[in-house]
Amino acid sequence: MPTYDYLCTQCKLQFEARHPINASNPDCSVCGGATEKVILSAPATHGNMAHGRELAMRSLLPKSRQEKHVHGLGCGRGERRHA
């Protein structure tokens, strides 16, 4: 069963609850008030999605900052120089 984050609309208590996806929102365990489902953070990205995010973030940097980066040994970017 998935875990969901909730916020009480009356006392503002934030808590987690595990239940089936189609179950209704639980009542607040402290005051019995109605609750709202909240999203606390964005989902993690891995692999190719993370690489795409990195490129997108880099495209937002001012051009002067992008050009100052120098690829050193072990950087993994740019051309490799062989001795």
C-alpha atoms as a PDB file:
ATOM      1  CA  MET A   1       0.000   0.000   0.000  1.00  0.00           C
ATOM      2  CA  PRO A   2       1.266   3.498  -0.780  1.00  0.00           C
ATOM      3  CA  THR A   3       2.030   6.074   1.910  1.00  0.00           C
ATOM      4  CA  TYR A   4       0.414   9.508   1.608  1.00  0.00           C
ATOM      5  CA  ASP A   5       1.117  12.797   3.376  1.00  0.00           C
ATOM      6  CA  TYR A   6      -1.814  14.724   4.843  1.00  0.00           C
ATOM      7  CA  LEU A   7      -2.400  18.109   6.443  1.00  0.00           C
ATOM      8  CA  CYS A   8      -5.295  18.784   8.802  1.00  0.00           C
ATOM      9  CA  THR A   9      -7.301  21.805   7.641  1.00  0.00           C
ATOM     10  CA  GLN A  10      -8.184  22.747  11.246  1.00  0.00           C
ATOM     11  CA  CYS A  11      -5.163  22.156  13.542  1.00  0.00           C
ATOM     12  CA  LYS A  12      -2.527  22.026  10.737  1.00  0.00           C
ATOM     13  CA  LEU A  13      -1.101  18.690  11.919  1.00  0.00           C
ATOM     14  CA  GLN A  14       0.992  17.053   9.198  1.00  0.00           C
ATOM     15  CA  PHE A  15       1.062  13.229   9.173  1.00  0.00           C
ATOM     16  CA  GLU A  16       1.464  10.137   7.004  1.00  0.00           C
ATOM     17  CA  ALA A  17      -1.118   7.435   6.339  1.00  0.00           C
ATOM     18  CA  ARG A  18      -0.909   4.133   4.451  1.00  0.00           C
ATOM     19  CA  HIS A  19      -4.027   3.036   2.591  1.00  0.00           C
ATOM     20  CA  PRO A  20      -5.266   1.821  -0.810  1.00  0.00           C
ATOM     21  CA  ILE A  21      -5.139   4.383  -3.615  1.00  0.00           C
ATOM     22  CA  ASN A  22      -8.938   4.710  -3.833  1.00  0.00           C
ATOM     23  CA  ALA A  23      -9.549   5.145  -0.066  1.00  0.00           C
ATOM     24  CA  SER A  24     -10.898   8.454   1.218  1.00  0.00           C
ATOM     25  CA  ASN A  25      -8.758  10.896   3.199  1.00  0.00           C
ATOM     26  CA  PRO A  26      -8.461   9.916   6.884  1.00  0.00           C
ATOM     27  CA  ASP A  27      -9.677  12.246   9.624  1.00  0.00           C
ATOM     28  CA  CYS A  28      -7.090  13.996  11.801  1.00  0.00           C
ATOM     29  CA  SER A  29      -6.059  11.799  14.726  1.00  0.00           C
ATOM     30  CA  VAL A  30      -5.701  14.822  17.060  1.00  0.00           C
ATOM     31  CA  CYS A  31      -8.800  16.970  16.444  1.00  0.00           C
ATOM     32  CA  GLY A  32     -10.895  14.785  14.109  1.00  0.00           C
ATOM     33  CA  GLY A  33     -10.893  17.485  11.412  1.00  0.00           C
ATOM     34  CA  ALA A  34     -10.872  17.047   7.647  1.00  0.00           C
ATOM     35  CA  THR A  35      -7.537  16.540   5.904  1.00  0.00           C
ATOM     36  CA  GLU A  36      -5.970  17.376   2.549  1.00  0.00           C
ATOM     37  CA  LYS A  37      -3.417  15.280   0.684  1.00  0.00           C
ATOM     38  CA  VAL A  38      -0.130  17.174   0.253  1.00  0.00           C
ATOM     39  CA  ILE A  39       2.898  16.662  -1.991  1.00  0.00           C
ATOM     40  CA  LEU A  40       6.086  17.407  -0.044  1.00  0.00           C
ATOM     41  CA  SER A  41       8.742  16.965  -2.720  1.00  0.00           C
ATOM     42  CA  ALA A  42       9.267  16.225  -6.368  1.00  0.00           C
ATOM     43  CA  PRO A  43       9.949  12.613  -7.325  1.00  0.00           C
ATOM     44  CA  ALA A  44      13.598  11.574  -7.649  1.00  0.00           C
ATOM     45  CA  THR A  45      15.047  11.269 -11.121  1.00  0.00           C
ATOM     46  CA  HIS A  46      17.689   8.773 -12.128  1.00  0.00           C
ATOM     47  CA  GLY A  47      19.619   7.776 -15.237  1.00  0.00           C
ATOM     48  CA  ASN A  48      18.756   9.552 -18.475  1.00  0.00           C
ATOM     49  CA  MET A  49      16.118  11.677 -16.760  1.00  0.00           C
ATOM     50  CA  ALA A  50      18.745  13.085 -14.386  1.00  0.00           C
ATOM     51  CA  HIS A  51      21.079  13.834 -17.309  1.00  0.00           C
ATOM     52  CA  GLY A  52      18.284  15.717 -19.091  1.00  0.00           C
ATOM     53  CA  ARG A  53      17.552  17.703 -15.933  1.00  0.00           C
ATOM     54  CA  GLU A  54      21.241  18.586 -15.607  1.00  0.00           C
ATOM     55  CA  LEU A  55      21.341  19.851 -19.204  1.00  0.00           C
ATOM     56  CA  ALA A  56      18.187  21.882 -18.678  1.00  0.00           C
ATOM     57  CA  MET A  57      19.577  23.494 -15.515  1.00  0.00           C
ATOM     58  CA  ARG A  58      22.861  24.262 -17.277  1.00  0.00           C
ATOM     59  CA  SER A  59      20.989  25.956 -20.135  1.00  0.00           C
ATOM     60  CA  LEU A  60      19.541  28.450 -17.629  1.00  0.00           C
ATOM     61  CA  LEU A  61      22.980  29.620 -16.447  1.00  0.00           C
ATOM     62  CA  PRO A  62      24.376  32.845 -17.890  1.00  0.00           C
ATOM     63  CA  LYS A  63      26.715  32.118 -20.809  1.00  0.00           C
ATOM     64  CA  SER A  64      29.713  33.626 -18.979  1.00  0.00           C
ATOM     65  CA  ARG A  65      29.385  31.024 -16.180  1.00  0.00           C
ATOM     66  CA  GLN A  66      29.101  28.141 -18.644  1.00  0.00           C
ATOM     67  CA  GLU A  67      32.288  29.115 -20.469  1.00  0.00           C
ATOM     68  CA  LYS A  68      34.416  29.402 -17.300  1.00  0.00           C
ATOM     69  CA  HIS A  69      34.196  25.684 -16.498  1.00  0.00           C
ATOM     70  CA  VAL A  70      37.452  23.910 -17.312  1.00  0.00           C
ATOM     71  CA  HIS A  71      37.403  20.141 -17.644  1.00  0.00           C
ATOM     72  CA  GLY A  72      40.088  18.580 -15.474  1.00  0.00           C
ATOM     73  CA  LEU A  73      41.229  15.027 -14.967  1.00  0.00           C
ATOM     74  CA  GLY A  74      38.374  12.777 -13.923  1.00  0.00           C
ATOM     75  CA  CYS A  75      35.720  15.343 -14.826  1.00  0.00           C
ATOM     76  CA  GLY A  76      33.998  13.003 -17.276  1.00  0.00           C
ATOM     77  CA  ARG A  77      32.950  15.808 -19.617  1.00  0.00           C
ATOM     78  CA  GLY A  78      34.599  17.148 -22.725  1.00  0.00           C
ATOM     79  CA  GLU A  79      37.516  15.689 -24.649  1.00  0.00           C
ATOM     80  CA  ARG A  80      40.046  13.486 -22.936  1.00  0.00           C
ATOM     81  CA  ARG A  81      43.674  14.409 -23.316  1.00  0.00           C
ATOM     82  CA  HIS A  82      46.190  11.605 -23.587  1.00  0.00           C
ATOM     83  CA  ALA A  83      49.808  12.129 -22.544  1.00  0.00           C
END
